[in-house]
Protein backbone atom coordinates (compact mmCIF):
# COMPACT_ATOMS: atom_id res chain seq x y z
CA MET A 1 -7.33 -23.01 -18.23
CA ASP A 2 -9.85 -25.61 -17.08
CA ASP A 3 -11.45 -27.80 -19.68
CA PRO A 4 -15.03 -26.82 -20.53
CA PRO A 5 -17.70 -28.96 -18.86
CA VAL A 6 -19.03 -31.91 -20.79
CA VAL A 7 -22.63 -31.21 -21.74
CA SER A 8 -24.86 -34.20 -22.38
CA PRO A 9 -27.25 -33.94 -25.33
CA PRO A 10 -30.98 -33.57 -24.70
CA VAL A 11 -33.08 -36.68 -25.26
CA SER A 12 -34.45 -35.13 -28.46
CA SER A 13 -30.99 -35.41 -30.04
CA LEU A 14 -29.78 -38.49 -28.19
CA VAL A 15 -28.51 -41.61 -29.94
CA VAL A 16 -28.83 -44.85 -27.99
CA ALA A 17 -26.82 -47.70 -29.56
CA ILE A 18 -27.89 -51.23 -28.66
CA ASP A 19 -25.85 -54.16 -29.94
CA GLY A 20 -25.81 -57.88 -29.30
CA PRO A 21 -26.26 -61.32 -30.83
CA SER A 22 -29.50 -62.83 -32.11
CA GLY A 23 -32.03 -63.61 -29.42
CA SER A 24 -30.50 -61.34 -26.78
CA GLY A 25 -33.58 -59.12 -26.69
CA LYS A 26 -32.32 -56.21 -28.78
CA SER A 27 -35.49 -55.53 -30.73
CA SER A 28 -37.96 -55.71 -27.85
CA THR A 29 -35.65 -53.71 -25.60
CA SER A 30 -34.88 -51.07 -28.23
CA ARG A 31 -38.54 -50.56 -29.09
CA GLY A 32 -39.46 -50.39 -25.43
CA VAL A 33 -36.76 -47.84 -24.65
CA ALA A 34 -37.72 -45.72 -27.66
CA GLY A 35 -41.35 -45.79 -26.59
CA ARG A 36 -40.54 -44.84 -23.01
CA LEU A 37 -38.34 -41.92 -24.07
CA GLY A 38 -40.34 -40.71 -27.05
CA LEU A 39 -37.54 -41.50 -29.50
CA ARG A 40 -37.44 -42.93 -33.00
CA TYR A 41 -36.33 -46.52 -33.53
CA LEU A 42 -34.17 -48.15 -36.19
CA ASP A 43 -33.74 -51.89 -36.69
CA THR A 44 -30.59 -52.17 -38.80
CA GLY A 45 -30.93 -55.95 -38.87
CA ALA A 46 -34.15 -55.56 -40.83
CA MET A 47 -32.21 -53.56 -43.43
CA PHE A 48 -29.75 -56.43 -43.91
CA ARG A 49 -32.65 -58.87 -44.09
CA ALA A 50 -34.36 -56.65 -46.66
CA ILE A 51 -31.36 -56.56 -48.98
CA THR A 52 -30.96 -60.34 -48.52
CA TRP A 53 -34.63 -60.86 -49.44
CA TRP A 54 -34.13 -58.77 -52.57
CA MET A 55 -31.03 -60.74 -53.56
CA LEU A 56 -32.93 -64.00 -53.20
CA ALA A 57 -35.88 -62.65 -55.18
CA GLN A 58 -33.55 -61.56 -57.98
CA GLY A 59 -31.77 -64.91 -58.10
CA VAL A 60 -28.36 -63.50 -57.14
CA ASP A 61 -25.80 -66.21 -56.35
CA LEU A 62 -25.34 -65.76 -52.61
CA THR A 63 -22.29 -68.01 -52.57
CA ASP A 64 -20.48 -65.38 -54.66
CA PRO A 65 -19.51 -62.25 -52.68
CA GLU A 66 -18.61 -60.42 -55.90
CA ALA A 67 -22.10 -61.01 -57.30
CA ILE A 68 -23.65 -59.75 -54.07
CA ALA A 69 -21.45 -56.65 -54.12
CA ALA A 70 -22.31 -55.95 -57.77
CA HIS A 71 -26.03 -55.71 -56.92
CA ALA A 72 -25.79 -54.07 -53.49
CA ASP A 73 -26.75 -50.59 -54.71
CA GLU A 74 -29.83 -51.64 -56.68
CA PRO A 75 -32.68 -52.14 -54.17
CA GLN A 76 -34.35 -49.08 -52.66
CA ILE A 77 -34.72 -49.66 -48.93
CA GLU A 78 -36.95 -47.55 -46.67
CA SER A 79 -37.00 -48.02 -42.90
CA GLY A 80 -39.85 -46.65 -40.81
CA THR A 81 -38.81 -45.39 -37.36
CA ASP A 82 -42.03 -45.56 -35.32
CA PRO A 83 -41.26 -47.92 -32.40
CA ASP A 84 -44.94 -48.91 -32.21
CA ASN A 85 -45.10 -49.77 -35.91
CA PRO A 86 -41.65 -50.20 -37.46
CA THR A 87 -41.77 -50.82 -41.19
CA ILE A 88 -39.36 -51.95 -43.87
CA ARG A 89 -40.00 -51.53 -47.59
CA VAL A 90 -38.01 -52.63 -50.64
CA ASP A 91 -38.72 -50.86 -53.92
CA GLY A 92 -41.97 -49.65 -52.38
CA ALA A 93 -43.19 -53.06 -51.23
CA ASP A 94 -43.77 -53.92 -47.56
CA VAL A 95 -41.46 -56.85 -46.74
CA SER A 96 -41.86 -56.83 -42.94
CA VAL A 97 -43.13 -60.42 -42.93
CA ALA A 98 -41.16 -61.74 -45.90
CA ILE A 99 -37.77 -60.88 -44.39
CA ARG A 100 -38.42 -63.21 -41.43
CA SER A 101 -38.61 -66.36 -43.57
CA ASP A 102 -36.33 -69.35 -43.03
CA GLU A 103 -34.75 -68.71 -46.43
CA VAL A 104 -33.73 -65.19 -45.43
CA ASN A 105 -32.60 -66.41 -41.99
CA ALA A 106 -30.24 -68.86 -43.67
CA ALA A 107 -28.79 -66.29 -46.10
CA VAL A 108 -28.56 -63.05 -44.14
CA SER A 109 -25.16 -63.69 -42.51
CA PRO A 110 -23.17 -64.27 -45.74
CA VAL A 111 -24.87 -61.28 -47.38
CA SER A 112 -24.16 -59.10 -44.32
CA ALA A 113 -20.49 -60.07 -44.42
CA VAL A 114 -19.96 -58.48 -47.86
CA PRO A 115 -18.19 -55.11 -47.36
CA ARG A 116 -20.11 -53.36 -50.14
CA VAL A 117 -23.43 -54.31 -48.55
CA ARG A 118 -22.28 -52.99 -45.20
CA SER A 119 -20.94 -49.72 -46.61
CA ARG A 120 -24.13 -49.12 -48.60
CA LEU A 121 -26.36 -49.72 -45.56
CA LEU A 122 -24.03 -47.79 -43.27
CA GLU A 123 -24.66 -44.70 -45.37
CA LEU A 124 -28.43 -45.22 -45.15
CA GLN A 125 -28.28 -45.85 -41.41
CA ARG A 126 -26.35 -42.67 -40.74
CA GLN A 127 -28.80 -40.69 -42.88
CA ILE A 128 -31.68 -41.98 -40.78
CA ILE A 129 -29.88 -41.30 -37.50
CA GLY A 130 -29.30 -37.72 -38.64
CA ALA A 131 -29.43 -35.30 -35.72
CA GLY A 132 -30.38 -38.04 -33.28
CA GLY A 133 -33.42 -38.65 -31.15
CA ILE A 134 -33.26 -42.37 -31.91
CA VAL A 135 -32.59 -45.83 -30.51
CA VAL A 136 -30.60 -47.91 -33.00
CA GLU A 137 -30.15 -51.66 -32.71
CA GLY A 138 -27.81 -53.99 -34.52
CA ARG A 139 -24.43 -55.65 -34.25
CA ASP A 140 -22.00 -52.82 -34.99
CA ILE A 141 -23.89 -49.70 -33.89
CA GLY A 142 -21.62 -48.69 -31.02
CA SER A 143 -18.44 -49.75 -32.80
CA VAL A 144 -19.04 -48.57 -36.40
CA VAL A 145 -22.38 -46.93 -37.18
CA ALA A 146 -22.56 -44.51 -34.25
CA PRO A 147 -19.31 -44.79 -32.27
CA ASP A 148 -19.94 -41.38 -30.66
CA ALA A 149 -23.34 -42.37 -29.28
CA PRO A 150 -23.56 -41.12 -25.68
CA VAL A 151 -25.34 -44.30 -24.56
CA LYS A 152 -24.01 -47.66 -25.76
CA VAL A 153 -25.41 -50.96 -24.57
CA TYR A 154 -24.39 -54.52 -25.39
CA LEU A 155 -27.04 -57.13 -24.63
CA SER A 156 -26.25 -60.81 -24.30
CA ALA A 157 -27.89 -63.94 -22.90
CA ASP A 158 -26.89 -67.56 -22.57
CA ALA A 159 -27.45 -69.64 -25.68
CA GLN A 160 -30.29 -71.73 -24.30
CA ALA A 161 -32.25 -68.69 -23.10
CA ARG A 162 -31.81 -67.03 -26.49
CA ALA A 163 -32.95 -70.17 -28.30
CA ILE A 164 -36.05 -70.50 -26.13
CA ARG A 165 -36.98 -66.87 -26.80
CA ARG A 166 -36.41 -67.10 -30.53
CA ALA A 167 -38.25 -70.43 -30.86
CA ALA A 168 -41.20 -68.96 -28.95
CA GLU A 169 -41.27 -65.98 -31.34
CA ALA A 170 -40.86 -67.82 -34.62
CA GLY A 171 -41.79 -71.39 -33.78
CA GLY A 172 -39.49 -74.34 -34.25
CA ASP A 173 -37.35 -76.69 -32.23
CA VAL A 174 -35.30 -75.12 -29.42
CA ALA A 175 -32.21 -77.28 -30.02
CA ALA A 176 -32.18 -76.55 -33.75
CA THR A 177 -32.74 -72.87 -33.05
CA GLN A 178 -29.82 -72.85 -30.63
CA ASP A 179 -27.54 -74.45 -33.22
CA SER A 180 -28.62 -71.82 -35.75
CA LEU A 181 -27.99 -68.96 -33.32
CA LEU A 182 -24.53 -70.24 -32.44
CA ALA A 183 -23.66 -70.58 -36.12
CA ARG A 184 -24.82 -66.99 -36.70
CA ASP A 185 -22.69 -65.86 -33.74
CA ARG A 186 -19.59 -67.44 -35.27
CA ILE A 187 -20.16 -65.70 -38.59
CA ASP A 188 -21.03 -62.31 -37.08
CA SER A 189 -18.12 -62.33 -34.64
CA GLY A 190 -15.58 -63.66 -37.13
CA ARG A 191 -16.26 -61.54 -40.21
CA ALA A 192 -13.51 -59.17 -41.29
CA THR A 193 -15.78 -56.14 -41.75
CA ALA A 194 -17.62 -54.70 -38.71
CA PRO A 195 -17.67 -57.86 -36.56
CA LEU A 196 -19.97 -58.20 -33.57
CA VAL A 197 -17.99 -56.85 -30.61
CA LEU A 198 -18.49 -55.16 -27.26
CA ALA A 199 -17.92 -51.53 -28.28
CA GLU A 200 -15.61 -49.31 -26.28
CA GLY A 201 -17.60 -47.59 -23.57
CA ALA A 202 -20.62 -49.89 -23.88
CA VAL A 203 -22.48 -51.14 -20.83
CA HIS A 204 -22.86 -54.92 -20.94
CA ILE A 205 -26.20 -56.30 -19.76
CA ASP A 206 -26.69 -60.07 -19.55
CA THR A 207 -30.45 -60.32 -20.06
CA THR A 208 -30.72 -64.00 -19.05
CA PRO A 209 -32.10 -63.44 -15.51
CA TYR A 210 -34.24 -60.39 -16.29
CA THR A 211 -37.71 -59.75 -17.65
CA LEU A 212 -38.06 -57.48 -20.68
CA ASP A 213 -39.41 -54.66 -18.51
CA GLU A 214 -36.40 -54.95 -16.21
CA VAL A 215 -33.96 -54.71 -19.13
CA ILE A 216 -35.80 -51.69 -20.56
CA GLU A 217 -35.66 -50.04 -17.14
CA GLN A 218 -31.90 -50.58 -16.93
CA VAL A 219 -31.34 -48.87 -20.27
CA VAL A 220 -33.71 -46.00 -19.45
CA THR A 221 -31.81 -45.55 -16.17
CA LEU A 222 -28.57 -45.16 -18.14
CA VAL A 223 -30.18 -42.38 -20.20
CA GLU A 224 -31.57 -40.70 -17.09
CA ALA A 225 -28.15 -40.83 -15.45
CA LEU A 226 -26.66 -39.12 -18.52
CA GLU A 227 -29.29 -36.40 -18.34
CA ALA A 228 -28.60 -35.89 -14.63
CA GLU A 229 -24.96 -35.16 -15.45
CA ALA A 230 -25.92 -32.44 -17.93
């Protein structure tokens, strides 16, 4: 007997997983794709930043993974999924601006590397993804959070291009920003739990030579090709 045909999910239940290192264009691309396709949007990086912000505010020793793990379940984190106005709240407070501080930037990688933090946020992320209809960005979406996502994309860019983009967004020196990004890459790629990797089946897009609109179009084309196969 022939195998049954593979039926692609409708866009309303589609999960698009977009991974990549800092400064590769994940957020802008993910929001743009979600807007084009009428999907929800989830920034998982903001969730890690939010829990890091809370740890700092509570005076948790971030050099002690056991201390971080002991407090990982305490903050209440709410992620809005409107691509035009994504929000992140901790214990009811809007922390969208606070989580982008230099202090959080410096601490988010060691907090994110703690397995209990990742497992706690993984549960929240999968609850939000639910039945689909969402573009999810992060560093382990295609490999861990949503490995069955029909569309997986891995964005990258050369270090200098990433540093220029990030410095333009947040201000600061390009060389120092590049050093910071490369240090973050080493931590994210080398951690034992859910490291940053090119997920099986993901399409790799080097965004260095492209405009944002061109990258968004490439991802939308992947979705359209999936629909055409349905």
